[in-house]
Amino acid sequence: MRVAVTGATGNVGTALLRRLASTDTEVVGVCRRLPEPTGAWADVRWVQQDVAGPDAVQRLTDAFAGVDAVVHTAWLIQPARDPGEMARVNLTGSENVVRAALAAGVPHLVHLSSVGAYATHPVDDARVDESWPADGISPSQYSREKATVESHLDTVERDHPELLVTRVRPALVFQRDAGSEIARYFLGPFVPTRLLRRVPLPVLPLPERLRFQVVHADDLADALVRILERAPGGAFNVADEPVLRGRDLALSLNAPRWFPVNRRVVRAAADLTYRAHVHPVQPGWLDLGFGVPVMDTTRAREELGWRPVHAARDVLVELLDGVRDHAGAPSGALRRRTGLVTSRTGT
């Protein structure tokens, strides 16, 4: 099997390369900045290309020639203060990948979507399967763009039946080596990350009715490889168990006590501090976090035989330890944090 992976030096891309290394697969990696040729990146044929850059369609078409599948993971989460740049990479870049896959005659496109593509569910704890509308949550640019790409893929599937499209909708994707990357994405320069889980917090305020899902990057990579092997088409929810709540986050942060705070108060505080440049997180991320439904992963388990090996709380603790230890890897996206958090990152 021959596979091309966009965003191949990022959180998901790197985990996928690790998993593919155990198979008889030739990999073409597409990225904006070449990694050091070690570890998971050693045996990859690299193509240095911004998926939304000049001549991207032609260069991607050349890179995709002869592959059995393209896995599209390239996506910008930051810089939030430059929404035009994010849209350029996420929307134009995704369109370019599709155009190149069609031009190269690729039979299978695997698109890394997100739980963030889903519309809000009116019941907090009700699980949704892949038929739930992927219309997004409008205050979040990330969610709007994930939903826009999914809508574009609907059109592609209708107009180009020769291209099989599989969409993967994971929960929050974590691993230890993403610690520095997550800090750059979501923490400000005033967060003392070196103290995480080392210094007990006497009490921790958290949004009321907090609940979220996570998936270890390696569990997601295993699902992606199963999709490449089976080429099922359609959409798949991917998340580790169980669903995490405020108590899980508090205990993971070494806070034996926590208390709920009204979501509107939390949102207002996030908006104020974002405007004051205290942190790099658009307030729309909170709207997304409060609004996304809980995913049912039955289809992945039954049709792919997927069985995650990580427990959700262990994944969260691994990520927090990675943030604390400034964990990373020798690529642009996963580079170790060595100073103040900056917001301009990408794969």
Protein backbone atom coordinates (compact mmCIF):
# COMPACT_ATOMS: atom_id res chain seq x y z
CA MET A 1 0.00 0.00 0.00
CA ARG A 2 1.15 3.54 -0.79
CA VAL A 3 -0.30 6.42 1.25
CA ALA A 4 0.13 10.19 1.21
CA VAL A 5 -0.35 12.07 4.48
CA THR A 6 -0.80 15.85 4.64
CA GLY A 7 0.19 17.52 7.90
CA ALA A 8 2.48 14.55 8.44
CA THR A 9 4.65 16.25 11.09
CA GLY A 10 1.76 17.20 13.38
CA ASN A 11 0.11 15.53 16.34
CA VAL A 12 -2.08 13.13 14.36
CA GLY A 13 0.23 12.81 11.37
CA THR A 14 3.20 11.74 13.48
CA ALA A 15 1.15 9.12 15.33
CA LEU A 16 -0.12 7.80 12.00
CA LEU A 17 3.44 7.50 10.66
CA ARG A 18 4.43 5.56 13.78
CA ARG A 19 1.56 3.17 13.22
CA LEU A 20 2.20 2.80 9.48
CA ALA A 21 5.84 1.95 10.21
CA SER A 22 4.65 -1.42 11.50
CA THR A 23 2.94 -2.18 8.17
CA ASP A 24 4.16 -2.74 4.64
CA THR A 25 3.28 0.80 3.56
CA GLU A 26 5.17 3.34 1.51
CA VAL A 27 4.45 6.83 2.85
CA VAL A 28 4.60 10.22 1.15
CA GLY A 29 4.61 12.96 3.77
CA VAL A 30 3.44 16.49 2.96
CA CYS A 31 4.38 19.30 5.35
CA ARG A 32 5.31 22.97 5.43
CA ARG A 33 8.57 22.46 7.36
CA LEU A 34 10.66 19.33 6.94
CA PRO A 35 11.32 17.35 10.14
CA GLU A 36 14.57 15.78 11.21
CA PRO A 37 14.80 12.40 9.42
CA THR A 38 14.60 10.33 12.60
CA GLY A 39 12.09 8.03 14.26
CA ALA A 40 8.69 7.97 12.57
CA TRP A 41 9.89 10.42 9.92
CA ALA A 42 12.98 8.45 8.82
CA ASP A 43 11.55 6.31 6.02
CA VAL A 44 9.11 8.84 4.56
CA ARG A 45 9.41 10.44 1.13
CA TRP A 46 8.92 14.10 2.00
CA VAL A 47 7.28 16.83 -0.04
CA GLN A 48 7.65 20.32 1.42
CA GLN A 49 4.46 22.12 0.50
CA ASP A 50 1.92 24.47 2.06
CA VAL A 51 -1.40 22.92 1.02
CA ALA A 52 -2.76 26.42 0.32
CA GLY A 53 0.42 27.85 -1.19
CA PRO A 54 1.24 28.85 -4.78
CA ASP A 55 1.05 25.96 -7.26
CA ALA A 56 -0.23 23.74 -4.42
CA VAL A 57 -2.68 21.80 -6.60
CA GLN A 58 -0.04 20.86 -9.16
CA ARG A 59 2.59 19.97 -6.56
CA LEU A 60 0.09 17.95 -4.53
CA THR A 61 -1.10 16.20 -7.69
CA ASP A 62 2.48 15.15 -8.37
CA ALA A 63 2.92 14.02 -4.76
CA PHE A 64 -0.30 11.97 -4.87
CA ALA A 65 0.51 10.20 -8.14
CA GLY A 66 0.21 6.44 -7.70
CA VAL A 67 -0.96 6.43 -4.07
CA ASP A 68 -3.78 4.21 -2.87
CA ALA A 69 -5.10 6.79 -0.42
CA VAL A 70 -4.57 10.32 0.85
CA VAL A 71 -5.01 11.06 4.55
CA HIS A 72 -5.66 14.77 4.99
CA THR A 73 -4.70 15.94 8.49
CA ALA A 74 -3.19 19.38 7.73
CA TRP A 75 -5.11 22.03 9.67
CA LEU A 76 -4.39 25.28 11.51
CA ILE A 77 -5.77 25.90 15.01
CA GLN A 78 -3.68 29.03 15.50
CA PRO A 79 -3.05 31.95 14.87
CA ALA A 80 -6.54 32.78 16.17
CA ARG A 81 -5.78 36.49 15.79
CA ASP A 82 -5.29 35.98 12.06
CA PRO A 83 -8.56 34.32 10.97
CA GLY A 84 -7.76 34.92 7.31
CA GLU A 85 -4.63 32.79 7.52
CA MET A 86 -6.53 30.01 9.26
CA ALA A 87 -9.24 30.06 6.59
CA ARG A 88 -6.60 30.08 3.85
CA VAL A 89 -5.00 26.87 5.09
CA ASN A 90 -8.10 25.10 6.38
CA LEU A 91 -10.58 25.90 3.63
CA THR A 92 -8.48 26.64 0.54
CA GLY A 93 -5.94 24.02 1.57
CA SER A 94 -8.60 21.33 1.96
CA GLU A 95 -10.11 22.23 -1.40
CA ASN A 96 -6.66 21.97 -2.99
CA VAL A 97 -6.10 18.54 -1.48
CA VAL A 98 -9.40 17.32 -2.91
CA ARG A 99 -8.67 18.80 -6.35
CA ALA A 100 -5.23 17.21 -6.38
CA ALA A 101 -6.58 13.82 -5.28
CA LEU A 102 -9.10 13.92 -8.14
CA ALA A 103 -6.48 15.03 -10.66
CA ALA A 104 -4.10 12.27 -9.56
CA GLY A 105 -6.81 9.61 -9.73
CA VAL A 106 -6.54 8.74 -6.04
CA PRO A 107 -9.23 6.15 -5.18
CA HIS A 108 -9.64 6.95 -1.45
CA LEU A 109 -9.54 10.20 0.52
CA VAL A 110 -9.54 10.01 4.32
CA HIS A 111 -10.39 13.39 5.81
CA LEU A 112 -9.61 14.14 9.45
CA SER A 113 -12.67 16.03 10.61
CA SER A 114 -13.59 16.49 14.27
CA VAL A 115 -16.26 16.23 16.93
CA GLY A 116 -16.21 20.00 16.42
CA ALA A 117 -18.00 19.57 13.09
CA TYR A 118 -21.18 18.47 14.85
CA ALA A 119 -24.13 20.70 15.65
CA THR A 120 -25.17 21.16 19.27
CA HIS A 121 -27.27 18.42 20.83
CA PRO A 122 -30.06 19.67 23.13
CA VAL A 123 -29.32 17.03 25.77
CA ASP A 124 -25.87 17.29 27.39
CA ASP A 125 -25.20 13.58 27.88
CA ALA A 126 -27.08 12.08 24.93
CA ARG A 127 -24.70 10.24 22.60
CA VAL A 128 -24.91 10.81 18.86
CA ASP A 129 -23.85 8.57 16.02
CA GLU A 130 -22.42 9.67 12.69
CA SER A 131 -25.84 10.64 11.32
CA TRP A 132 -26.04 13.68 13.61
CA PRO A 133 -25.82 16.91 11.53
CA ALA A 134 -22.26 18.11 10.91
CA ASP A 135 -23.38 21.75 10.71
CA GLY A 136 -20.91 23.11 13.26
CA ILE A 137 -21.30 25.60 16.10
CA SER A 138 -21.21 29.07 14.62
CA PRO A 139 -19.29 31.10 17.26
CA SER A 140 -16.24 28.86 16.73
CA GLN A 141 -14.14 29.47 13.61
CA TYR A 142 -12.64 26.00 14.02
CA SER A 143 -16.11 24.44 14.05
CA ARG A 144 -17.41 26.53 11.15
CA GLU A 145 -14.45 25.54 9.00
CA LYS A 146 -14.68 21.84 9.88
CA ALA A 147 -18.37 21.94 8.94
CA THR A 148 -17.65 23.87 5.72
CA VAL A 149 -15.14 21.25 4.58
CA GLU A 150 -17.60 18.46 5.37
CA SER A 151 -20.24 20.24 3.28
CA HIS A 152 -17.75 20.52 0.43
CA LEU A 153 -17.06 16.80 0.70
CA ASP A 154 -20.80 16.14 0.35
CA THR A 155 -20.62 17.84 -3.04
CA VAL A 156 -17.46 15.97 -4.00
CA GLU A 157 -19.06 12.62 -3.19
CA ARG A 158 -22.10 13.52 -5.25
CA ASP A 159 -20.17 14.77 -8.29
CA HIS A 160 -17.20 12.38 -8.19
CA PRO A 161 -18.29 8.84 -7.27
CA GLU A 162 -14.89 7.60 -8.40
CA LEU A 163 -13.36 9.07 -5.21
CA LEU A 164 -14.30 7.21 -2.03
CA VAL A 165 -14.38 9.62 0.93
CA THR A 166 -14.08 8.53 4.56
CA ARG A 167 -14.44 11.13 7.31
CA VAL A 168 -12.96 10.60 10.76
CA ARG A 169 -14.41 12.63 13.62
CA PRO A 170 -12.16 12.28 16.65
CA ALA A 171 -12.49 13.74 20.11
CA LEU A 172 -9.66 15.91 21.50
CA VAL A 173 -6.46 14.21 20.32
CA PHE A 174 -3.71 14.03 22.94
CA GLN A 175 -0.32 12.41 23.48
CA ARG A 176 2.71 13.32 25.57
CA ASP A 177 4.71 14.70 22.64
CA ALA A 178 1.90 17.18 21.93
CA GLY A 179 2.46 18.88 25.29
CA SER A 180 4.38 21.86 23.95
CA GLU A 181 2.06 22.18 20.95
CA ILE A 182 -1.05 22.24 23.16
CA ALA A 183 0.59 24.85 25.39
CA ARG A 184 1.23 27.07 22.37
CA TYR A 185 -2.33 26.61 21.14
CA PHE A 186 -4.23 27.14 24.36
CA LEU A 187 -2.13 28.60 27.18
CA GLY A 188 -0.82 32.11 27.70
CA PRO A 189 2.66 33.15 28.82
CA PHE A 190 1.49 33.57 32.40
CA VAL A 191 0.56 29.93 33.00
CA PRO A 192 3.29 28.28 35.13
CA THR A 193 3.24 25.00 33.25
CA ARG A 194 6.25 23.61 35.10
CA LEU A 195 4.08 23.42 38.20
CA LEU A 196 1.29 21.39 36.61
CA ARG A 197 0.48 18.30 38.72
CA ARG A 198 3.49 19.08 40.93
CA VAL A 199 1.83 21.66 43.19
CA PRO A 200 -1.57 20.72 44.66
CA LEU A 201 -4.38 23.15 43.91
CA PRO A 202 -6.51 23.74 47.01
CA VAL A 203 -9.62 24.34 44.90
CA LEU A 204 -10.31 24.63 41.18
CA PRO A 205 -13.16 26.58 39.54
CA LEU A 206 -14.53 24.85 36.45
CA PRO A 207 -17.47 25.45 34.10
CA GLU A 208 -20.68 23.86 35.32
CA ARG A 209 -21.69 20.52 33.75
CA LEU A 210 -18.28 20.19 32.14
CA ARG A 211 -17.90 17.03 30.08
CA PHE A 212 -15.57 16.17 27.20
CA GLN A 213 -14.08 13.27 25.28
CA VAL A 214 -10.46 12.57 24.40
CA VAL A 215 -8.60 10.05 22.29
CA HIS A 216 -4.95 9.09 22.41
CA ALA A 217 -3.16 9.88 19.14
CA ASP A 218 -2.06 6.24 18.88
CA ASP A 219 -5.64 4.97 19.25
CA LEU A 220 -6.73 7.38 16.52
CA ALA A 221 -3.83 6.26 14.32
CA ASP A 222 -4.94 2.64 14.73
CA ALA A 223 -8.44 3.58 13.58
CA LEU A 224 -6.98 5.42 10.57
CA VAL A 225 -4.91 2.41 9.52
CA ARG A 226 -7.96 0.15 9.80
CA ILE A 227 -9.82 2.59 7.56
CA LEU A 228 -6.97 2.55 5.04
CA GLU A 229 -7.02 -1.25 5.00
CA ARG A 230 -10.82 -1.59 4.67
CA ALA A 231 -11.76 1.59 2.70
CA PRO A 232 -15.26 1.69 4.20
CA GLY A 233 -16.38 5.21 3.27
CA GLY A 234 -18.77 7.27 5.37
CA ALA A 235 -17.96 8.78 8.77
CA PHE A 236 -16.52 7.37 11.99
CA ASN A 237 -16.60 8.77 15.52
CA VAL A 238 -13.40 8.00 17.44
CA ALA A 239 -13.01 8.54 21.20
CA ASP A 240 -11.58 6.76 24.20
CA GLU A 241 -13.73 5.90 27.21
CA PRO A 242 -15.11 7.05 29.54
CA VAL A 243 -16.47 10.56 29.01
CA LEU A 244 -14.51 12.92 31.26
CA ARG A 245 -16.09 15.43 33.62
CA GLY A 246 -15.05 18.23 35.93
CA ARG A 247 -14.05 15.82 38.67
CA ASP A 248 -11.67 14.00 36.31
CA LEU A 249 -9.99 17.23 35.23
CA ALA A 250 -9.67 18.44 38.82
CA LEU A 251 -8.11 15.18 40.02
CA SER A 252 -5.78 15.11 37.02
CA LEU A 253 -4.59 18.60 37.97
CA ASN A 254 -4.03 17.48 41.58
CA ALA A 255 -6.98 19.51 42.86
CA PRO A 256 -8.96 17.46 45.40
CA ARG A 257 -11.78 20.03 45.42
CA TRP A 258 -13.50 21.94 42.65
CA PHE A 259 -16.62 24.02 42.27
CA PRO A 260 -18.82 24.76 39.25
CA VAL A 261 -18.93 28.24 37.72
CA ASN A 262 -21.74 29.50 35.51
CA ARG A 263 -20.81 29.00 31.86
CA ARG A 264 -21.74 32.56 30.91
CA VAL A 265 -19.40 33.90 33.57
CA VAL A 266 -16.59 31.68 32.27
CA ARG A 267 -17.28 32.77 28.69
CA ALA A 268 -17.28 36.47 29.61
CA ALA A 269 -14.00 36.09 31.49
CA ALA A 270 -12.44 34.22 28.55
CA ASP A 271 -13.54 36.96 26.15
CA LEU A 272 -12.12 39.71 28.35
CA THR A 273 -8.77 37.98 28.87
CA TYR A 274 -8.49 37.10 25.16
CA ARG A 275 -9.00 40.75 24.22
CA ALA A 276 -6.35 41.67 26.78
CA HIS A 277 -3.90 39.20 25.12
CA VAL A 278 -3.58 37.17 28.30
CA HIS A 279 -4.05 33.95 26.31
CA PRO A 280 -4.43 32.96 22.62
CA VAL A 281 -7.79 31.14 22.80
CA GLN A 282 -10.76 32.59 20.94
CA PRO A 283 -13.87 32.56 23.19
CA GLY A 284 -15.61 30.54 20.48
CA TRP A 285 -13.64 27.53 21.69
CA LEU A 286 -15.70 27.61 24.91
CA ASP A 287 -18.93 27.77 22.90
CA LEU A 288 -17.67 24.75 21.02
CA GLY A 289 -16.68 22.89 24.18
CA PHE A 290 -20.02 23.58 25.84
CA GLY A 291 -22.00 22.70 22.72
CA VAL A 292 -20.51 19.60 21.09
CA PRO A 293 -22.41 16.37 21.67
CA VAL A 294 -21.03 13.20 23.23
CA MET A 295 -20.08 10.78 20.45
CA ASP A 296 -21.12 7.16 20.11
CA THR A 297 -18.22 5.10 18.72
CA THR A 298 -20.18 1.92 17.97
CA ARG A 299 -19.57 2.06 14.21
CA ALA A 300 -15.77 2.18 14.59
CA ARG A 301 -15.84 -0.73 17.02
CA GLU A 302 -18.19 -2.92 14.99
CA GLU A 303 -17.10 -2.18 11.40
CA LEU A 304 -13.39 -1.60 11.94
CA GLY A 305 -12.83 -3.92 14.88
CA TRP A 306 -11.30 -0.88 16.61
CA ARG A 307 -10.47 -1.34 20.29
CA PRO A 308 -8.71 1.59 22.00
CA VAL A 309 -5.98 0.61 24.44
CA HIS A 310 -5.92 3.86 26.44
CA ALA A 311 -8.31 4.97 29.17
CA ALA A 312 -9.48 8.54 28.76
CA ARG A 313 -8.22 9.83 32.10
CA ASP A 314 -4.79 8.28 31.50
CA VAL A 315 -4.66 10.14 28.18
CA LEU A 316 -5.46 13.42 29.93
CA VAL A 317 -2.77 12.84 32.58
CA GLU A 318 -0.21 11.94 29.89
CA LEU A 319 -0.97 15.19 28.06
CA LEU A 320 -0.77 17.31 31.23
CA ASP A 321 2.58 15.74 32.11
CA GLY A 322 3.75 16.54 28.58
CA VAL A 323 2.67 20.17 28.98
CA ARG A 324 4.48 20.37 32.32
CA ASP A 325 7.68 18.82 30.95
CA HIS A 326 7.63 20.85 27.70
CA ALA A 327 7.51 17.57 25.80
CA GLY A 328 7.79 17.64 22.04
CA ALA A 329 9.52 16.17 19.01
CA PRO A 330 11.91 17.44 16.32
CA SER A 331 9.32 18.87 13.93
CA GLY A 332 7.93 22.35 13.46
CA ALA A 333 4.51 21.49 14.83
CA LEU A 334 5.69 19.40 17.78
CA ARG A 335 8.79 21.41 18.67
CA ARG A 336 9.56 21.64 22.37
CA ARG A 337 8.56 24.76 24.20
CA THR A 338 11.67 26.66 25.24
CA GLY A 339 10.30 30.11 26.13
CA LEU A 340 7.09 32.09 26.24
CA VAL A 341 4.10 30.64 24.45
CA THR A 342 3.62 31.95 20.93
CA SER A 343 0.44 31.53 18.92
CA ARG A 344 1.68 31.01 15.35
CA THR A 345 1.93 27.30 14.74
CA GLY A 346 0.85 24.74 12.18
CA THR A 347 1.80 21.56 10.38
